[in-house]
Amino acid sequence: MRVEELLAAARAGLDRLSPAEAAAVQASGGLLVDIRYAALRERDGTVPGALVVERNELEWRLDPACEHRAAQATSHDLRVVVMCDEGYASSLAAASLRLLGLHRATDLVGGFQAWRAAGLPVRP
């Protein structure tokens, strides 16, 4: 399998969201999770209220049954929107969260760059 096929398979199981839809989920109590690495966050800023969890820790921090979970990881029913820089790694990450039972996990089409281009809030 090629990475393009893996990405397509991951996305087939997701209801991916636009920046405006992701903002609405966050506003209604859903969790926006920023998986970008530190250098990108330092360069471009962050989304106010987003939980920052680098990709290599994501499953441990979001699994509600894990002793290393983030305080926000309260339930498998939690609405989670994963955001990377451009919307590629986030699709694979969201699919991985679904395998953990987070059945409402999805990702942001276009990632942080689309969020910023849509004029949504960014903190330096």
C-alpha atoms as a PDB file:
ATOM      1  CA  MET A   1       0.000   0.000   0.000  1.00  0.00           C
ATOM      2  CA  ARG A   2       1.222   3.496  -0.806  1.00  0.00           C
ATOM      3  CA  VAL A   3       0.848   6.448   1.532  1.00  0.00           C
ATOM      4  CA  GLU A   4      -1.737   8.006  -0.789  1.00  0.00           C
ATOM      5  CA  GLU A   5      -3.863   4.864  -0.455  1.00  0.00           C
ATOM      6  CA  LEU A   6      -3.444   4.856   3.316  1.00  0.00           C
ATOM      7  CA  LEU A   7      -4.532   8.495   3.444  1.00  0.00           C
ATOM      8  CA  ALA A   8      -7.555   7.831   1.217  1.00  0.00           C
ATOM      9  CA  ALA A   9      -8.586   4.875   3.404  1.00  0.00           C
ATOM     10  CA  ALA A  10      -8.255   6.996   6.558  1.00  0.00           C
ATOM     11  CA  ARG A  11     -10.306   9.808   5.068  1.00  0.00           C
ATOM     12  CA  ALA A  12     -13.024   7.444   3.844  1.00  0.00           C
ATOM     13  CA  GLY A  13     -14.028   6.876   7.461  1.00  0.00           C
ATOM     14  CA  LEU A  14     -14.020  10.547   8.467  1.00  0.00           C
ATOM     15  CA  ASP A  15     -16.531  13.346   8.160  1.00  0.00           C
ATOM     16  CA  ARG A  16     -13.820  15.970   7.632  1.00  0.00           C
ATOM     17  CA  LEU A  17     -14.622  19.538   8.654  1.00  0.00           C
ATOM     18  CA  SER A  18     -14.037  22.954   7.125  1.00  0.00           C
ATOM     19  CA  PRO A  19     -12.418  25.614   9.331  1.00  0.00           C
ATOM     20  CA  ALA A  20     -15.823  27.179  10.071  1.00  0.00           C
ATOM     21  CA  GLU A  21     -17.299  23.786  11.006  1.00  0.00           C
ATOM     22  CA  ALA A  22     -14.306  23.010  13.245  1.00  0.00           C
ATOM     23  CA  ALA A  23     -14.695  26.385  14.956  1.00  0.00           C
ATOM     24  CA  ALA A  24     -18.370  25.608  15.568  1.00  0.00           C
ATOM     25  CA  VAL A  25     -17.493  22.230  17.102  1.00  0.00           C
ATOM     26  CA  GLN A  26     -14.968  23.921  19.374  1.00  0.00           C
ATOM     27  CA  ALA A  27     -17.490  26.612  20.346  1.00  0.00           C
ATOM     28  CA  SER A  28     -20.042  23.943  21.271  1.00  0.00           C
ATOM     29  CA  GLY A  29     -17.661  22.120  23.618  1.00  0.00           C
ATOM     30  CA  GLY A  30     -15.797  19.836  21.235  1.00  0.00           C
ATOM     31  CA  LEU A  31     -12.049  19.462  21.476  1.00  0.00           C
ATOM     32  CA  LEU A  32      -9.762  20.963  18.831  1.00  0.00           C
ATOM     33  CA  VAL A  33      -6.399  19.195  19.053  1.00  0.00           C
ATOM     34  CA  ASP A  34      -3.291  20.761  17.498  1.00  0.00           C
ATOM     35  CA  ILE A  35      -0.732  18.063  16.637  1.00  0.00           C
ATOM     36  CA  ARG A  36       1.785  20.361  14.928  1.00  0.00           C
ATOM     37  CA  TYR A  37       5.324  20.251  16.232  1.00  0.00           C
ATOM     38  CA  ALA A  38       6.699  23.133  18.305  1.00  0.00           C
ATOM     39  CA  ALA A  39       8.611  24.876  15.497  1.00  0.00           C
ATOM     40  CA  LEU A  40       5.417  25.300  13.460  1.00  0.00           C
ATOM     41  CA  ARG A  41       3.470  26.577  16.450  1.00  0.00           C
ATOM     42  CA  GLU A  42       6.248  29.056  17.219  1.00  0.00           C
ATOM     43  CA  ARG A  43       6.397  30.186  13.596  1.00  0.00           C
ATOM     44  CA  ASP A  44       2.668  30.493  12.893  1.00  0.00           C
ATOM     45  CA  GLY A  45       0.943  30.745  16.260  1.00  0.00           C
ATOM     46  CA  THR A  46      -1.773  28.681  17.891  1.00  0.00           C
ATOM     47  CA  VAL A  47      -5.544  28.496  18.017  1.00  0.00           C
ATOM     48  CA  PRO A  48      -6.962  29.827  21.290  1.00  0.00           C
ATOM     49  CA  GLY A  49      -8.488  27.000  23.315  1.00  0.00           C
ATOM     50  CA  ALA A  50      -6.925  24.202  21.268  1.00  0.00           C
ATOM     51  CA  LEU A  51      -5.275  21.362  23.146  1.00  0.00           C
ATOM     52  CA  VAL A  52      -1.668  21.026  21.990  1.00  0.00           C
ATOM     53  CA  VAL A  53      -0.557  17.393  21.790  1.00  0.00           C
ATOM     54  CA  GLU A  54       2.295  16.527  19.486  1.00  0.00           C
ATOM     55  CA  ARG A  55       1.549  13.627  17.172  1.00  0.00           C
ATOM     56  CA  ASN A  56       3.816  11.119  18.913  1.00  0.00           C
ATOM     57  CA  GLU A  57       1.769  11.433  22.151  1.00  0.00           C
ATOM     58  CA  LEU A  58      -1.720  11.706  20.684  1.00  0.00           C
ATOM     59  CA  GLU A  59      -3.147   8.262  21.388  1.00  0.00           C
ATOM     60  CA  TRP A  60      -1.889   8.231  24.994  1.00  0.00           C
ATOM     61  CA  ARG A  61      -3.228  11.716  25.720  1.00  0.00           C
ATOM     62  CA  LEU A  62      -6.671  11.236  24.098  1.00  0.00           C
ATOM     63  CA  ASP A  63      -7.551   7.688  25.172  1.00  0.00           C
ATOM     64  CA  PRO A  64     -10.051   8.163  28.035  1.00  0.00           C
ATOM     65  CA  ALA A  65      -8.972   4.813  29.505  1.00  0.00           C
ATOM     66  CA  CYS A  66      -5.248   5.674  29.633  1.00  0.00           C
ATOM     67  CA  GLU A  67      -3.566   6.815  32.833  1.00  0.00           C
ATOM     68  CA  HIS A  68      -1.580   9.374  30.776  1.00  0.00           C
ATOM     69  CA  ARG A  69      -4.657  11.005  29.227  1.00  0.00           C
ATOM     70  CA  ALA A  70      -5.173  14.756  29.101  1.00  0.00           C
ATOM     71  CA  ALA A  71      -7.793  16.119  31.483  1.00  0.00           C
ATOM     72  CA  GLN A  72      -9.979  16.930  28.463  1.00  0.00           C
ATOM     73  CA  ALA A  73     -10.073  13.270  27.344  1.00  0.00           C
ATOM     74  CA  THR A  74     -13.219  12.494  29.291  1.00  0.00           C
ATOM     75  CA  SER A  75     -15.148  10.068  27.091  1.00  0.00           C
ATOM     76  CA  HIS A  76     -15.113   7.983  23.934  1.00  0.00           C
ATOM     77  CA  ASP A  77     -18.107  10.124  22.881  1.00  0.00           C
ATOM     78  CA  LEU A  78     -16.022  13.313  22.913  1.00  0.00           C
ATOM     79  CA  ARG A  79     -16.139  15.283  19.654  1.00  0.00           C
ATOM     80  CA  VAL A  80     -12.466  15.606  18.644  1.00  0.00           C
ATOM     81  CA  VAL A  81     -11.168  17.597  15.670  1.00  0.00           C
ATOM     82  CA  VAL A  82      -7.496  16.987  14.919  1.00  0.00           C
ATOM     83  CA  MET A  83      -5.518  19.770  13.255  1.00  0.00           C
ATOM     84  CA  CYS A  84      -2.072  19.513  11.698  1.00  0.00           C
ATOM     85  CA  ASP A  85      -0.390  22.104   9.492  1.00  0.00           C
ATOM     86  CA  GLU A  86      -2.069  21.356   6.143  1.00  0.00           C
ATOM     87  CA  GLY A  87      -4.567  18.556   6.782  1.00  0.00           C
ATOM     88  CA  TYR A  88      -2.646  15.387   5.912  1.00  0.00           C
ATOM     89  CA  ALA A  89      -1.185  13.962   9.140  1.00  0.00           C
ATOM     90  CA  SER A  90      -4.393  14.923  10.920  1.00  0.00           C
ATOM     91  CA  SER A  91      -6.413  12.491   8.793  1.00  0.00           C
ATOM     92  CA  LEU A  92      -4.167   9.589   9.785  1.00  0.00           C
ATOM     93  CA  ALA A  93      -4.233  10.738  13.419  1.00  0.00           C
ATOM     94  CA  ALA A  94      -8.033  10.985  13.496  1.00  0.00           C
ATOM     95  CA  ALA A  95      -8.333   7.494  11.995  1.00  0.00           C
ATOM     96  CA  SER A  96      -6.029   6.208  14.738  1.00  0.00           C
ATOM     97  CA  LEU A  97      -8.211   7.830  17.408  1.00  0.00           C
ATOM     98  CA  ARG A  98     -11.247   6.120  15.901  1.00  0.00           C
ATOM     99  CA  LEU A  99      -9.471   2.772  16.310  1.00  0.00           C
ATOM    100  CA  LEU A 100      -9.188   3.628  20.029  1.00  0.00           C
ATOM    101  CA  GLY A 101     -12.960   4.035  20.186  1.00  0.00           C
ATOM    102  CA  LEU A 102     -13.176   7.815  19.809  1.00  0.00           C
ATOM    103  CA  HIS A 103     -15.902   7.333  17.216  1.00  0.00           C
ATOM    104  CA  ARG A 104     -16.566  11.070  16.739  1.00  0.00           C
ATOM    105  CA  ALA A 105     -12.929  11.950  15.943  1.00  0.00           C
ATOM    106  CA  THR A 106     -12.271  13.702  12.650  1.00  0.00           C
ATOM    107  CA  ASP A 107      -9.915  16.298  11.236  1.00  0.00           C
ATOM    108  CA  LEU A 108      -9.736  19.776   9.784  1.00  0.00           C
ATOM    109  CA  VAL A 109      -9.515  20.028   5.987  1.00  0.00           C
ATOM    110  CA  GLY A 110      -6.454  22.146   5.161  1.00  0.00           C
ATOM    111  CA  GLY A 111      -5.223  22.168   8.750  1.00  0.00           C
ATOM    112  CA  PHE A 112      -3.948  25.228  10.583  1.00  0.00           C
ATOM    113  CA  GLN A 113      -3.133  26.992   7.325  1.00  0.00           C
ATOM    114  CA  ALA A 114      -6.800  26.804   6.239  1.00  0.00           C
ATOM    115  CA  TRP A 115      -7.934  27.930   9.712  1.00  0.00           C
ATOM    116  CA  ARG A 116      -5.708  30.999   9.506  1.00  0.00           C
ATOM    117  CA  ALA A 117      -6.661  31.732   5.868  1.00  0.00           C
ATOM    118  CA  ALA A 118     -10.338  31.651   6.911  1.00  0.00           C
ATOM    119  CA  GLY A 119      -9.629  34.525   9.315  1.00  0.00           C
ATOM    120  CA  LEU A 120     -10.366  32.467  12.425  1.00  0.00           C
ATOM    121  CA  PRO A 121      -8.643  33.366  15.724  1.00  0.00           C
ATOM    122  CA  VAL A 122      -4.900  32.777  15.992  1.00  0.00           C
ATOM    123  CA  ARG A 123      -2.718  33.645  18.947  1.00  0.00           C
ATOM    124  CA  PRO A 124       0.914  34.565  18.198  1.00  0.00           C
END
